[in-house]
Amino acid sequence: MPRNTQPAADLRLHVRFEDSPYNSFGDRYAHVYVMPVVMARGKYGRQEFTAHDVDSCDIDVPAAVKALKGLRVRAQMDDHSTGWYAYRLHFSIDQLTLDEAERVLPVLRRLERKMTALTDRFGYPRDLETFLARLADAMGLPGKPFVRRVTDDQDYEGHGHRSMGADDLRWWLNDEVSKWRERHGITASQDT
């Protein structure tokens, strides 16, 4: 007799670009925020198919997916840099208890081990987009592992998000950076 199993969750990495409102000393900053989400139809309310937090009570997901609650990657760029910097994989936890630490340590160790194996095989990831592609691979995300929020006029998939592969992610982030630089009058000659 087959066991009752949950269907595999459609796990993705949600990527958000932000023109930072926290600029100081004449410098401009942009940030990228990445977090795992599950693309699913909600159980309550309007029951729309959209991106849900991995610990949302509106969807049913395996415990291994819920264990990703708080997993984040953040990156920063300023008007003097030519690329993203200060990115790393981490958990964002408001108050770290022993239970929370025991939940996140196995996840971090497993992902770190897989990311290290990819680095040993292919070399150090030279940019944010390569780092995120390797993270998606380490997490076992198939197909187009990234999503970003889109406006209604750009919503070709019907759930308010655009699915992206690694190349799509690179092109989209490059486009966002170009628009950010243009918006603030940052020229290539200002880069160091």
Protein backbone atom coordinates (compact mmCIF):
# COMPACT_ATOMS: atom_id res chain seq x y z
CA MET A 1 0.00 0.00 0.00
CA PRO A 2 1.45 3.43 -0.95
CA ARG A 3 2.29 5.74 1.90
CA ASN A 4 0.62 9.11 2.14
CA THR A 5 3.27 11.56 1.04
CA GLN A 6 3.13 15.26 0.40
CA PRO A 7 3.80 16.40 -3.13
CA ALA A 8 7.17 18.06 -3.64
CA ALA A 9 7.08 21.77 -2.92
CA ASP A 10 7.79 24.15 -5.82
CA LEU A 11 10.65 25.81 -3.95
CA ARG A 12 12.30 28.87 -5.53
CA LEU A 13 14.58 31.75 -4.54
CA HIS A 14 12.76 35.08 -4.54
CA VAL A 15 15.09 37.92 -5.63
CA ARG A 16 14.32 41.58 -4.92
CA PHE A 17 16.32 44.62 -6.07
CA GLU A 18 16.10 47.75 -3.93
CA ASP A 19 17.36 51.29 -4.41
CA SER A 20 18.37 51.87 -0.82
CA PRO A 21 16.84 54.83 1.00
CA TYR A 22 19.78 54.64 3.44
CA ASN A 23 22.43 56.63 1.66
CA SER A 24 25.17 58.37 3.57
CA PHE A 25 27.99 60.82 2.98
CA GLY A 26 26.94 61.33 -0.64
CA ASP A 27 27.15 57.62 -1.48
CA ARG A 28 24.25 55.78 -3.11
CA TYR A 29 23.51 52.13 -2.36
CA ALA A 30 21.51 49.37 -4.00
CA HIS A 31 20.68 46.05 -2.37
CA VAL A 32 19.56 42.61 -3.47
CA TYR A 33 17.56 40.48 -1.06
CA VAL A 34 17.07 36.74 -1.63
CA MET A 35 14.85 34.33 0.30
CA PRO A 36 13.29 30.93 -0.34
CA VAL A 37 9.60 30.87 -1.27
CA VAL A 38 7.14 28.18 -2.30
CA MET A 39 5.03 28.73 -5.40
CA ALA A 40 1.64 27.27 -4.49
CA ARG A 41 -2.10 27.83 -4.31
CA GLY A 42 -3.11 28.95 -0.84
CA LYS A 43 -5.61 26.97 1.25
CA TYR A 44 -7.46 29.96 2.68
CA GLY A 45 -8.96 33.22 1.49
CA ARG A 46 -8.73 33.82 -2.27
CA GLN A 47 -6.61 30.66 -2.76
CA GLU A 48 -4.41 32.29 -5.38
CA PHE A 49 -1.32 30.65 -6.83
CA THR A 50 1.57 32.85 -5.69
CA ALA A 51 4.85 32.92 -3.74
CA HIS A 52 4.48 31.99 -0.07
CA ASP A 53 6.99 32.15 2.77
CA VAL A 54 8.30 28.64 3.49
CA ASP A 55 6.63 28.69 6.93
CA SER A 56 3.27 30.07 5.76
CA CYS A 57 0.24 28.48 7.40
CA ASP A 58 -1.58 28.93 4.07
CA ILE A 59 0.29 26.02 2.42
CA ASP A 60 1.40 22.51 3.36
CA VAL A 61 5.10 21.81 2.86
CA PRO A 62 7.52 19.15 4.13
CA ALA A 63 9.49 19.81 7.31
CA ALA A 64 12.71 20.13 5.29
CA VAL A 65 11.21 23.12 3.46
CA LYS A 66 9.91 24.71 6.67
CA ALA A 67 13.46 24.38 8.07
CA LEU A 68 14.53 27.04 5.52
CA LYS A 69 12.56 29.71 7.43
CA GLY A 70 14.80 32.77 7.71
CA LEU A 71 17.36 31.67 5.09
CA ARG A 72 18.65 34.79 3.34
CA VAL A 73 21.26 36.22 1.02
CA ARG A 74 21.83 39.98 0.94
CA ALA A 75 24.15 41.87 -1.36
CA GLN A 76 25.15 45.52 -1.63
CA MET A 77 26.46 47.80 -4.35
CA ASP A 78 27.47 51.43 -4.06
CA ASP A 79 28.10 54.18 -6.58
CA HIS A 80 31.85 53.51 -6.43
CA SER A 81 31.75 49.75 -7.05
CA THR A 82 31.48 47.81 -10.28
CA GLY A 83 29.79 44.77 -8.77
CA TRP A 84 27.91 43.32 -5.84
CA TYR A 85 29.75 42.74 -2.58
CA ALA A 86 29.18 41.63 1.03
CA TYR A 87 26.98 38.69 0.05
CA ARG A 88 26.81 35.49 2.01
CA LEU A 89 24.34 32.83 3.00
CA HIS A 90 22.86 33.37 6.46
CA PHE A 91 19.74 33.01 8.56
CA SER A 92 17.87 36.11 9.66
CA ILE A 93 16.49 35.28 13.10
CA ASP A 94 15.10 37.90 15.45
CA GLN A 95 15.74 36.03 18.68
CA LEU A 96 18.01 33.00 18.49
CA THR A 97 16.93 30.26 20.86
CA LEU A 98 18.51 26.85 21.27
CA ASP A 99 15.65 25.28 19.30
CA GLU A 100 16.17 27.74 16.44
CA ALA A 101 19.93 27.14 16.44
CA GLU A 102 19.39 23.38 16.30
CA ARG A 103 17.02 23.90 13.36
CA VAL A 104 19.35 26.10 11.29
CA LEU A 105 22.74 24.48 11.94
CA PRO A 106 22.06 21.29 9.93
CA VAL A 107 20.69 23.37 7.05
CA LEU A 108 23.72 25.69 7.03
CA ARG A 109 26.15 22.79 7.30
CA ARG A 110 24.50 20.89 4.44
CA LEU A 111 24.39 23.93 2.15
CA GLU A 112 27.94 24.95 3.08
CA ARG A 113 29.21 21.45 2.31
CA LYS A 114 27.49 21.47 -1.10
CA MET A 115 28.64 25.02 -1.89
CA THR A 116 32.21 24.10 -0.94
CA ALA A 117 32.08 21.07 -3.25
CA LEU A 118 30.92 23.33 -6.10
CA THR A 119 33.75 25.76 -5.35
CA ASP A 120 36.27 22.92 -5.33
CA ARG A 121 34.93 21.76 -8.69
CA PHE A 122 34.41 25.09 -10.50
CA GLY A 123 36.42 27.65 -8.53
CA TYR A 124 35.28 30.58 -6.42
CA PRO A 125 32.01 32.21 -7.60
CA ARG A 126 33.23 35.51 -9.03
CA ASP A 127 29.92 37.37 -8.78
CA LEU A 128 26.56 37.37 -7.03
CA GLU A 129 24.71 35.74 -9.91
CA THR A 130 27.11 32.77 -9.96
CA PHE A 131 26.87 32.50 -6.17
CA LEU A 132 23.06 32.39 -6.36
CA ALA A 133 23.11 29.84 -9.20
CA ARG A 134 25.34 27.60 -7.08
CA LEU A 135 23.06 28.08 -4.08
CA ALA A 136 20.09 27.01 -6.21
CA ASP A 137 22.07 23.96 -7.33
CA ALA A 138 23.07 23.14 -3.73
CA MET A 139 19.40 23.38 -2.72
CA GLY A 140 18.44 21.04 -5.58
CA LEU A 141 16.15 23.57 -7.27
CA PRO A 142 15.31 22.40 -10.82
CA GLY A 143 14.30 24.40 -13.89
CA LYS A 144 14.04 28.13 -13.35
CA PRO A 145 14.91 28.42 -9.67
CA PHE A 146 14.50 32.21 -9.27
CA VAL A 147 11.41 34.41 -9.15
CA ARG A 148 10.91 38.14 -8.92
CA ARG A 149 7.80 40.22 -8.38
CA VAL A 150 6.34 41.85 -11.50
CA THR A 151 3.63 44.39 -12.25
CA ASP A 152 0.29 43.32 -13.70
CA ASP A 153 1.29 44.39 -17.23
CA GLN A 154 4.38 42.13 -17.04
CA ASP A 155 2.60 39.18 -15.41
CA TYR A 156 2.74 36.60 -18.20
CA GLU A 157 2.67 33.67 -15.79
CA GLY A 158 -0.49 34.79 -13.98
CA HIS A 159 0.79 34.75 -10.39
CA GLY A 160 2.51 38.11 -10.00
CA HIS A 161 6.03 36.71 -10.40
CA ARG A 162 8.46 36.02 -13.23
CA SER A 163 10.37 32.73 -13.22
CA MET A 164 14.04 33.07 -14.12
CA GLY A 165 17.00 30.84 -14.85
CA ALA A 166 20.57 31.87 -14.01
CA ASP A 167 21.08 33.81 -17.27
CA ASP A 168 17.68 35.55 -16.88
CA LEU A 169 18.68 36.55 -13.36
CA ARG A 170 21.99 37.99 -14.59
CA TRP A 171 20.32 40.00 -17.37
CA TRP A 172 17.58 41.30 -15.06
CA LEU A 173 20.04 42.37 -12.34
CA ASN A 174 22.30 44.05 -14.92
CA ASP A 175 19.26 45.93 -16.24
CA GLU A 176 18.21 46.99 -12.73
CA VAL A 177 21.74 48.22 -11.98
CA SER A 178 21.81 50.20 -15.25
CA LYS A 179 18.49 51.86 -14.41
CA TRP A 180 19.70 52.56 -10.85
CA ARG A 181 22.91 54.18 -12.13
CA GLU A 182 20.99 56.25 -14.69
CA ARG A 183 18.41 57.35 -12.08
CA HIS A 184 21.19 58.73 -9.86
CA GLY A 185 23.50 60.02 -12.59
CA ILE A 186 26.24 57.50 -11.81
CA THR A 187 28.63 57.14 -14.72
CA ALA A 188 31.11 54.38 -15.42
CA SER A 189 33.96 56.82 -14.85
CA GLN A 190 32.92 57.05 -11.18
CA ASP A 191 33.55 53.33 -10.69
CA THR A 192 36.79 52.31 -9.05
